Amino acid sequence: MTAGGFNPIYRTRILIWVLISAALLLFAFANAHLVYVAFKSQPDCVPHLTEANENGKFRAAKPAC
């Protein structure tokens, strides 16, 4: 040990583990926020075709609203 505190090797190891922990916490909170926003935001119903038109291809299979 040096007179000023921790050995520089230990200080570096502690700094690395603190940075890794902070990055993992940031990743976890960002994903939790994305899950929260995904469940809280529900888009409104939009007008759509329910019957086949002259093209007959593009319409909602099962409208949810």
N, C-alpha and C. Protein backbone atom coordinates (compact mmCIF):
# COMPACT_ATOMS: atom_id res chain seq x y z
N MET A 1 0.83 -1.19 0.00
CA MET A 1 0.00 0.00 0.00
C MET A 1 0.87 1.25 0.00
N THR A 2 0.36 2.22 -0.65
CA THR A 2 1.07 3.50 -0.64
C THR A 2 0.57 4.31 0.55
N ALA A 3 1.28 5.38 0.84
CA ALA A 3 0.91 6.20 1.98
C ALA A 3 -0.38 6.96 1.73
N GLY A 4 -0.74 7.17 0.48
CA GLY A 4 -1.91 7.97 0.16
C GLY A 4 -3.22 7.19 0.10
N GLY A 5 -3.20 5.89 0.28
CA GLY A 5 -4.45 5.14 0.20
C GLY A 5 -4.25 3.80 -0.47
N PHE A 6 -5.12 3.49 -1.42
CA PHE A 6 -5.08 2.20 -2.10
C PHE A 6 -3.92 2.12 -3.08
N ASN A 7 -3.52 0.93 -3.33
CA ASN A 7 -2.54 0.64 -4.38
C ASN A 7 -3.18 1.01 -5.72
N PRO A 8 -2.45 1.59 -6.66
CA PRO A 8 -3.05 1.98 -7.94
C PRO A 8 -3.71 0.83 -8.68
N ILE A 9 -3.22 -0.39 -8.52
CA ILE A 9 -3.85 -1.53 -9.18
C ILE A 9 -5.24 -1.76 -8.62
N TYR A 10 -5.38 -1.69 -7.30
CA TYR A 10 -6.69 -1.88 -6.68
C TYR A 10 -7.64 -0.74 -7.03
N ARG A 11 -7.10 0.46 -7.10
CA ARG A 11 -7.92 1.62 -7.46
C ARG A 11 -8.48 1.45 -8.88
N THR A 12 -7.64 0.95 -9.78
CA THR A 12 -8.07 0.72 -11.17
C THR A 12 -9.13 -0.37 -11.23
N ARG A 13 -8.93 -1.44 -10.47
CA ARG A 13 -9.93 -2.52 -10.45
C ARG A 13 -11.26 -2.03 -9.90
N ILE A 14 -11.21 -1.26 -8.85
CA ILE A 14 -12.46 -0.71 -8.27
C ILE A 14 -13.14 0.19 -9.29
N LEU A 15 -12.38 1.03 -9.96
CA LEU A 15 -12.96 1.92 -10.97
C LEU A 15 -13.60 1.13 -12.10
N ILE A 16 -12.95 0.07 -12.55
CA ILE A 16 -13.51 -0.76 -13.62
C ILE A 16 -14.82 -1.39 -13.17
N TRP A 17 -14.86 -1.96 -11.96
CA TRP A 17 -16.09 -2.60 -11.48
C TRP A 17 -17.21 -1.57 -11.27
N VAL A 18 -16.88 -0.38 -10.83
CA VAL A 18 -17.89 0.67 -10.67
C VAL A 18 -18.45 1.07 -12.04
N LEU A 19 -17.60 1.20 -13.04
CA LEU A 19 -18.06 1.56 -14.38
C LEU A 19 -18.91 0.45 -15.00
N ILE A 20 -18.51 -0.81 -14.80
CA ILE A 20 -19.30 -1.93 -15.31
C ILE A 20 -20.67 -1.96 -14.63
N SER A 21 -20.70 -1.77 -13.32
CA SER A 21 -21.96 -1.76 -12.59
C SER A 21 -22.86 -0.62 -13.05
N ALA A 22 -22.28 0.54 -13.25
CA ALA A 22 -23.06 1.69 -13.71
C ALA A 22 -23.63 1.44 -15.10
N ALA A 23 -22.85 0.83 -15.98
CA ALA A 23 -23.34 0.54 -17.33
C ALA A 23 -24.46 -0.48 -17.30
N LEU A 24 -24.34 -1.51 -16.45
CA LEU A 24 -25.41 -2.50 -16.33
C LEU A 24 -26.68 -1.90 -15.75
N LEU A 25 -26.55 -1.02 -14.77
CA LEU A 25 -27.72 -0.35 -14.21
C LEU A 25 -28.39 0.55 -15.25
N LEU A 26 -27.59 1.27 -16.00
CA LEU A 26 -28.15 2.12 -17.06
C LEU A 26 -28.89 1.29 -18.09
N PHE A 27 -28.31 0.16 -18.49
CA PHE A 27 -28.95 -0.75 -19.44
C PHE A 27 -30.27 -1.29 -18.88
N ALA A 28 -30.28 -1.68 -17.62
CA ALA A 28 -31.50 -2.22 -17.00
C ALA A 28 -32.58 -1.15 -16.91
N PHE A 29 -32.23 0.06 -16.49
CA PHE A 29 -33.22 1.13 -16.39
C PHE A 29 -33.75 1.54 -17.76
N ALA A 30 -32.90 1.55 -18.77
CA ALA A 30 -33.36 1.90 -20.11
C ALA A 30 -34.34 0.86 -20.63
N ASN A 31 -34.06 -0.42 -20.40
CA ASN A 31 -34.98 -1.46 -20.84
C ASN A 31 -36.28 -1.42 -20.05
N ALA A 32 -36.21 -1.15 -18.76
CA ALA A 32 -37.42 -1.03 -17.95
C ALA A 32 -38.27 0.13 -18.45
N HIS A 33 -37.63 1.23 -18.83
CA HIS A 33 -38.37 2.37 -19.37
C HIS A 33 -39.05 2.00 -20.69
N LEU A 34 -38.36 1.27 -21.55
CA LEU A 34 -38.96 0.86 -22.82
C LEU A 34 -40.17 -0.05 -22.60
N VAL A 35 -40.07 -0.96 -21.65
CA VAL A 35 -41.20 -1.84 -21.35
C VAL A 35 -42.36 -1.03 -20.79
N TYR A 36 -42.08 -0.08 -19.91
CA TYR A 36 -43.12 0.78 -19.34
C TYR A 36 -43.84 1.57 -20.43
N VAL A 37 -43.08 2.18 -21.31
CA VAL A 37 -43.68 2.98 -22.39
C VAL A 37 -44.49 2.09 -23.33
N ALA A 38 -44.01 0.89 -23.59
CA ALA A 38 -44.73 -0.02 -24.49
C ALA A 38 -46.08 -0.41 -23.92
N PHE A 39 -46.17 -0.60 -22.61
CA PHE A 39 -47.45 -0.98 -22.01
C PHE A 39 -48.36 0.21 -21.79
N LYS A 40 -47.82 1.40 -21.57
CA LYS A 40 -48.64 2.58 -21.28
C LYS A 40 -49.17 3.27 -22.53
N SER A 41 -48.50 3.15 -23.66
CA SER A 41 -48.95 3.85 -24.86
C SER A 41 -49.76 2.90 -25.73
N GLN A 42 -51.00 3.21 -25.88
CA GLN A 42 -51.88 2.43 -26.74
C GLN A 42 -52.34 3.36 -27.86
N PRO A 43 -52.06 3.04 -29.09
CA PRO A 43 -52.50 3.91 -30.18
C PRO A 43 -54.01 3.86 -30.33
N ASP A 44 -54.57 4.96 -30.77
CA ASP A 44 -56.01 5.01 -31.02
C ASP A 44 -56.33 4.21 -32.27
N CYS A 45 -57.58 3.83 -32.36
CA CYS A 45 -58.01 3.11 -33.56
C CYS A 45 -57.99 4.05 -34.76
N VAL A 46 -57.58 3.55 -35.87
CA VAL A 46 -57.55 4.33 -37.09
C VAL A 46 -58.56 3.73 -38.06
N PRO A 47 -59.14 4.55 -38.91
CA PRO A 47 -60.08 4.00 -39.89
C PRO A 47 -59.36 3.05 -40.84
N HIS A 48 -60.00 1.93 -41.12
CA HIS A 48 -59.41 0.95 -42.02
C HIS A 48 -60.51 0.23 -42.78
N LEU A 49 -60.12 -0.43 -43.82
CA LEU A 49 -61.09 -1.18 -44.61
C LEU A 49 -61.50 -2.44 -43.87
N THR A 50 -62.80 -2.69 -43.83
CA THR A 50 -63.26 -3.94 -43.21
C THR A 50 -63.78 -4.90 -44.27
N GLU A 51 -64.06 -4.38 -45.43
CA GLU A 51 -64.53 -5.21 -46.54
C GLU A 51 -63.51 -5.11 -47.67
N ALA A 52 -63.45 -6.13 -48.47
CA ALA A 52 -62.53 -6.12 -49.60
C ALA A 52 -62.99 -5.09 -50.62
N ASN A 53 -62.04 -4.32 -51.14
CA ASN A 53 -62.38 -3.36 -52.19
C ASN A 53 -62.02 -3.95 -53.55
N GLU A 54 -61.87 -3.08 -54.55
CA GLU A 54 -61.59 -3.60 -55.89
C GLU A 54 -60.25 -4.33 -55.96
N ASN A 55 -59.29 -3.92 -55.15
CA ASN A 55 -58.02 -4.64 -55.11
C ASN A 55 -58.14 -5.90 -54.25
N GLY A 56 -58.87 -5.79 -53.14
CA GLY A 56 -59.16 -6.94 -52.30
C GLY A 56 -58.02 -7.46 -51.46
N LYS A 57 -56.91 -6.78 -51.43
CA LYS A 57 -55.76 -7.33 -50.72
C LYS A 57 -55.54 -6.71 -49.34
N PHE A 58 -55.57 -5.41 -49.27
CA PHE A 58 -55.08 -4.73 -48.09
C PHE A 58 -56.22 -4.30 -47.19
N ARG A 59 -56.44 -5.08 -46.12
CA ARG A 59 -57.40 -4.71 -45.10
C ARG A 59 -57.01 -5.43 -43.82
N ALA A 60 -57.61 -5.01 -42.73
CA ALA A 60 -57.28 -5.61 -41.44
C ALA A 60 -57.84 -7.02 -41.36
N ALA A 61 -57.04 -7.95 -40.91
CA ALA A 61 -57.50 -9.33 -40.79
C ALA A 61 -58.49 -9.45 -39.62
N LYS A 62 -58.13 -8.95 -38.47
CA LYS A 62 -58.99 -8.93 -37.28
C LYS A 62 -58.86 -7.56 -36.65
N PRO A 63 -59.80 -6.67 -36.85
CA PRO A 63 -59.68 -5.37 -36.20
C PRO A 63 -59.81 -5.51 -34.69
N ALA A 64 -58.98 -4.80 -33.95
CA ALA A 64 -58.97 -4.89 -32.50
C ALA A 64 -59.94 -3.91 -31.85
N CYS A 65 -60.53 -3.00 -32.62
CA CYS A 65 -61.42 -2.04 -31.99
C CYS A 65 -62.74 -1.95 -32.71
